[in-house]
Protein backbone atom coordinates (compact mmCIF):
# COMPACT_ATOMS: atom_id res chain seq x y z
CA MET A 1 33.11 26.34 -12.00
CA ALA A 2 29.53 25.76 -9.74
CA ASP A 3 27.04 23.03 -11.44
CA THR A 4 23.95 24.95 -12.72
CA THR A 5 21.78 21.99 -13.28
CA PRO A 6 18.49 22.09 -11.31
CA THR A 7 17.62 19.53 -8.59
CA ALA A 8 14.57 18.00 -9.06
CA ARG A 9 11.81 19.48 -6.78
CA PHE A 10 9.79 16.72 -5.30
CA GLU A 11 6.73 18.94 -4.83
CA ASP A 12 6.63 18.88 -8.87
CA TYR A 13 7.00 15.22 -8.99
CA LYS A 14 5.41 13.78 -6.08
CA THR A 15 1.71 12.78 -7.50
CA LYS A 16 3.58 11.51 -10.50
CA LEU A 17 5.99 9.23 -8.08
CA PHE A 18 2.83 8.48 -5.95
CA ASP A 19 1.21 6.89 -8.87
CA PHE A 20 4.02 4.91 -10.05
CA TYR A 21 4.61 3.38 -6.77
CA THR A 22 1.07 2.50 -6.16
CA LYS A 23 0.85 0.98 -9.61
CA CYS A 24 3.66 -1.44 -8.73
CA ARG A 25 1.98 -2.36 -5.45
CA PHE A 26 -1.39 -2.52 -7.35
CA ASN A 27 0.51 -5.16 -9.69
CA ALA A 28 1.79 -7.03 -6.77
CA LEU A 29 -1.43 -7.39 -5.02
CA ALA A 30 -2.66 -9.16 -8.39
CA CYS A 31 -0.31 -11.53 -8.69
CA ASP A 32 -0.48 -12.29 -5.36
CA ASP A 33 -3.94 -13.12 -5.75
CA LEU A 34 -3.26 -15.40 -8.81
CA LEU A 35 -0.33 -17.26 -7.16
CA HIS A 36 -3.30 -18.04 -4.43
CA LYS A 37 -5.47 -19.11 -7.68
CA ALA A 38 -2.93 -21.18 -8.79
CA THR A 39 -2.01 -22.97 -5.89
CA ARG A 40 -6.38 -23.93 -4.78
CA ILE A 41 -6.54 -24.89 -8.57
CA GLU A 42 -3.68 -27.42 -8.08
CA ARG A 43 -4.77 -28.64 -4.58
CA LEU A 44 -8.03 -29.11 -6.01
CA VAL A 45 -7.33 -30.69 -8.59
CA ARG A 46 -4.49 -33.13 -7.15
CA TRP A 47 -7.28 -34.62 -4.92
CA SER A 48 -9.82 -34.72 -7.85
CA VAL A 49 -7.15 -36.89 -9.58
CA LEU A 50 -6.43 -39.20 -6.55
CA VAL A 51 -10.51 -39.61 -5.86
CA LEU A 52 -10.90 -39.87 -9.90
CA VAL A 53 -8.22 -42.51 -9.55
CA ALA A 54 -9.47 -44.54 -6.92
CA LEU A 55 -12.62 -44.77 -8.37
CA ALA A 56 -11.32 -45.88 -11.57
CA PHE A 57 -9.02 -48.28 -9.91
CA ILE A 58 -12.34 -49.79 -7.96
CA THR A 59 -14.81 -50.15 -11.18
CA SER A 60 -11.72 -51.63 -12.88
CA ILE A 61 -11.61 -54.40 -9.90
CA PHE A 62 -15.26 -55.62 -11.20
CA HIS A 63 -16.24 -56.36 -14.64
CA GLY A 64 -18.80 -55.99 -16.56
CA PRO A 65 -19.84 -53.36 -19.52
CA VAL A 66 -21.24 -50.56 -17.77
CA LEU A 67 -18.18 -50.62 -15.08
CA ASP A 68 -15.69 -50.88 -17.52
CA ILE A 69 -17.09 -47.86 -19.53
CA ALA A 70 -17.44 -45.98 -16.00
CA SER A 71 -13.82 -47.00 -15.55
CA SER A 72 -12.98 -45.82 -18.93
CA VAL A 73 -14.66 -42.56 -18.22
CA ILE A 74 -13.13 -41.69 -14.90
CA SER A 75 -9.80 -42.55 -15.73
CA GLY A 76 -10.28 -40.10 -19.25
CA LEU A 77 -11.39 -37.19 -16.40
CA ALA A 78 -8.60 -38.11 -14.30
CA THR A 79 -6.21 -37.89 -16.89
CA LEU A 80 -8.10 -34.26 -18.09
CA LEU A 81 -7.54 -32.88 -14.81
CA ALA A 82 -4.11 -33.78 -14.37
CA ILE A 83 -3.33 -31.72 -17.80
CA TYR A 84 -5.62 -28.71 -16.50
CA SER A 85 -3.25 -28.58 -13.44
CA LEU A 86 0.02 -28.93 -15.20
CA ILE A 87 -1.34 -26.06 -17.56
CA VAL A 88 -3.44 -23.68 -14.74
CA GLY A 89 -1.68 -24.11 -11.23
CA SER A 90 1.33 -25.92 -11.76
CA GLY A 91 4.44 -25.65 -9.81
CA SER A 92 5.86 -23.87 -12.43
CA ARG A 93 2.96 -20.98 -12.91
CA GLN A 94 2.97 -20.35 -9.20
CA PHE A 95 6.56 -19.19 -9.65
CA ASP A 96 5.77 -16.92 -12.59
CA TRP A 97 3.29 -15.25 -10.13
CA PHE A 98 5.44 -14.96 -7.13
CA GLU A 99 8.68 -14.03 -9.10
CA LEU A 100 6.26 -11.37 -10.56
CA ALA A 101 4.92 -10.48 -7.20
CA ARG A 102 8.32 -9.73 -5.95
CA ARG A 103 9.21 -7.76 -9.17
CA PHE A 104 6.64 -5.61 -8.91
CA GLU A 105 7.58 -5.34 -5.46
CA GLY A 106 11.44 -4.41 -5.70
CA HIS A 107 9.92 -1.72 -8.83
CA ALA A 108 8.27 -0.18 -5.70
CA ARG A 109 11.19 -0.33 -3.46
CA GLU A 110 13.07 0.83 -5.52
CA MET A 111 10.92 4.35 -6.53
CA GLU A 112 10.26 4.75 -2.44
CA PHE A 113 13.89 4.87 -2.54
CA PHE A 114 14.50 7.25 -5.66
CA SER A 115 11.69 9.51 -4.17
CA GLU A 116 13.38 10.03 -0.76
CA GLU A 117 16.47 10.96 -2.76
CA ILE A 118 14.49 13.60 -4.79
CA ARG A 119 13.20 14.65 -1.49
CA ARG A 120 16.39 15.50 -0.12
CA GLY A 121 17.76 17.25 -3.32
CA ARG A 122 20.04 14.70 -4.29
CA ILE A 123 18.72 14.27 -7.54
CA THR A 124 18.72 16.54 -10.90
CA GLU A 125 15.90 17.15 -13.63
CA PRO A 126 18.50 15.08 -16.14
CA GLU A 127 19.15 12.60 -13.77
CA LEU A 128 15.58 11.94 -13.26
CA ALA A 129 14.68 12.20 -16.50
CA GLU A 130 16.78 9.23 -17.20
CA LYS A 131 16.38 7.16 -14.05
CA TRP A 132 12.37 7.58 -14.80
CA ARG A 133 12.42 6.40 -18.36
CA GLU A 134 14.53 3.31 -17.11
CA LEU A 135 11.95 2.73 -14.25
CA THR A 136 9.23 3.07 -16.93
CA ASP A 137 10.52 0.70 -19.30
CA ASN A 138 11.40 -2.05 -16.19
CA LEU A 139 7.38 -1.31 -15.07
CA GLU A 140 6.70 -2.27 -18.64
CA HIS A 141 8.51 -4.91 -19.37
CA THR A 142 7.23 -6.28 -15.63
CA VAL A 143 3.62 -5.80 -16.69
CA GLU A 144 4.29 -7.50 -20.23
CA ARG A 145 5.67 -10.91 -18.39
CA GLY A 146 2.36 -11.31 -16.85
CA ARG A 147 0.84 -11.31 -20.05
CA ILE A 148 -3.04 -10.90 -20.62
CA GLU A 149 -4.22 -12.81 -17.69
CA LEU A 150 -2.51 -10.33 -15.12
CA ARG A 151 -4.07 -7.49 -17.17
CA GLU A 152 -7.35 -9.29 -17.54
CA TYR A 153 -7.41 -10.19 -13.86
CA ALA A 154 -6.53 -6.70 -12.35
CA ASN A 155 -9.45 -5.59 -14.84
CA ARG A 156 -12.51 -7.65 -13.39
CA ASN A 157 -10.96 -7.26 -10.13
CA LYS A 158 -9.80 -3.29 -9.93
CA ALA A 159 -12.16 -2.22 -7.14
CA GLU A 160 -11.51 -4.96 -5.20
CA LEU A 161 -7.62 -4.21 -5.51
CA GLN A 162 -7.76 -0.81 -5.03
CA ARG A 163 -9.83 -0.92 -2.09
CA ARG A 164 -7.22 -3.64 -0.33
CA LEU A 165 -4.13 -1.30 -1.76
CA GLU A 166 -5.77 1.96 -0.39
CA LYS A 167 -6.10 -0.25 3.06
CA ILE A 168 -2.47 -1.41 3.11
CA LEU A 169 -1.38 2.59 2.19
CA ARG A 170 -3.37 3.97 5.06
CA ASP A 171 -1.69 1.26 7.88
CA GLU A 172 1.44 2.21 6.13
CA LYS A 173 0.88 5.76 6.35
CA LYS A 174 1.32 6.24 2.99
CA SER A 175 -1.38 7.52 1.24
CA GLU A 176 -1.08 10.69 -1.07
């Protein structure tokens, strides 16, 4: 008995598949930007802390009521900057953005492969429904891992990210 399960037609799902793909690539770009931002912050803060510690050391060599207060203020600023660096630009935060960007790129590649399988007629409608549910659940989970910071950054920079993504897709010849 022949299998009568209908094969998914690529033309019926082309837009939906491409939208998923571009959403993944868009979020990967946003994560890459946040990674670079965290790296820049860490670098700036590290240099600022070094300068403040040097100033605190120099002012602590000399004694006097004004210099003691200045030394205390400079030491306090160095400490606050170091704490800020640990929270915002730490290596751990950089790794989080790197990992999320790679996950989004992985989702995009998986969709690209899946789309090709649909195009070749190797996916049935029930398989498509099951795989689509799995892919969208995975994407939602990855977006949630980006927390509000990713969503806010993506919303604030939507036009710029979209422009860059369109250029990348044109260069890759993957525009719809």
